[in-house]
């Protein structure tokens, strides 16, 4: 049994390679070998061996005049391709199922596309069905949904004006926010409290509590939410849901490279 466990030990060379590469991203100027080694507390001979390999693969360059090493833009290209192909639905849908199961209510994962929200994963709580979550791919307005309002915290005032010109703020229920000033006030509140509530703003009789999922840029790139009839929610229940969703949101965000 001991032999099997030894066989699945983590690769220490790969660990060292990643440690050096990640360490170099925190050195904001080209640096000499000895400075990199000192900063990372790794022997110069070890650092040099890995730097030469990075150079072979195009991840690191060396200034011929100063002999300083620097990261190339190949990492940016790699990150861009990874971001484009990242399987939000496959990777994050597990959190949707987790929330639905925990609260026995409906949960959704949404992303923004063209100033609208798109549901990319939904999970109904056992024996629950809400009209808002009938199908994946459903388009929803930003100003009238919890997940949408979360994404609006990324918006500048100019971008909000673009949204108003393109779609306006149509009324869906008596609770819908229909003016730019009201939307701005809601955004300010969400930035402080760290979550958003759709209080019967998109569909009468339904409340939604949502938190954002951030990536390595600290911007909200997806929203995860719980929806339920208002008759099953109240201040104590909402407080419990908010705490749980924030924990889930942080965990999902770290999966996208976010650091607290």
Foldseek 3Di string as FASTA:
>chain_A
DVVVVVVPDDDPLVVVLVLLVVLQVVVPDFAALVVSCVSSVHDSVSSVVSQVVCVVVQQKDADPVPRTIHGDCVVVVVVVVCVVPPPCCVPQLVLQVVLCAVVLAKKFKWFDDPQWIFTQHIDGRVPDDDPVPPDGGDIHHLQQAFFSLLLCLVPDPVVLVVSCVVPAQDFQDPPGDHDSVVSVVQSVVCVVVQKGKNPCRNHRQKIKIKGFAAAQVRHGGMIMITMDGVVVDDVVRVVVSVVVRVVSSVVNNVVRVHDD
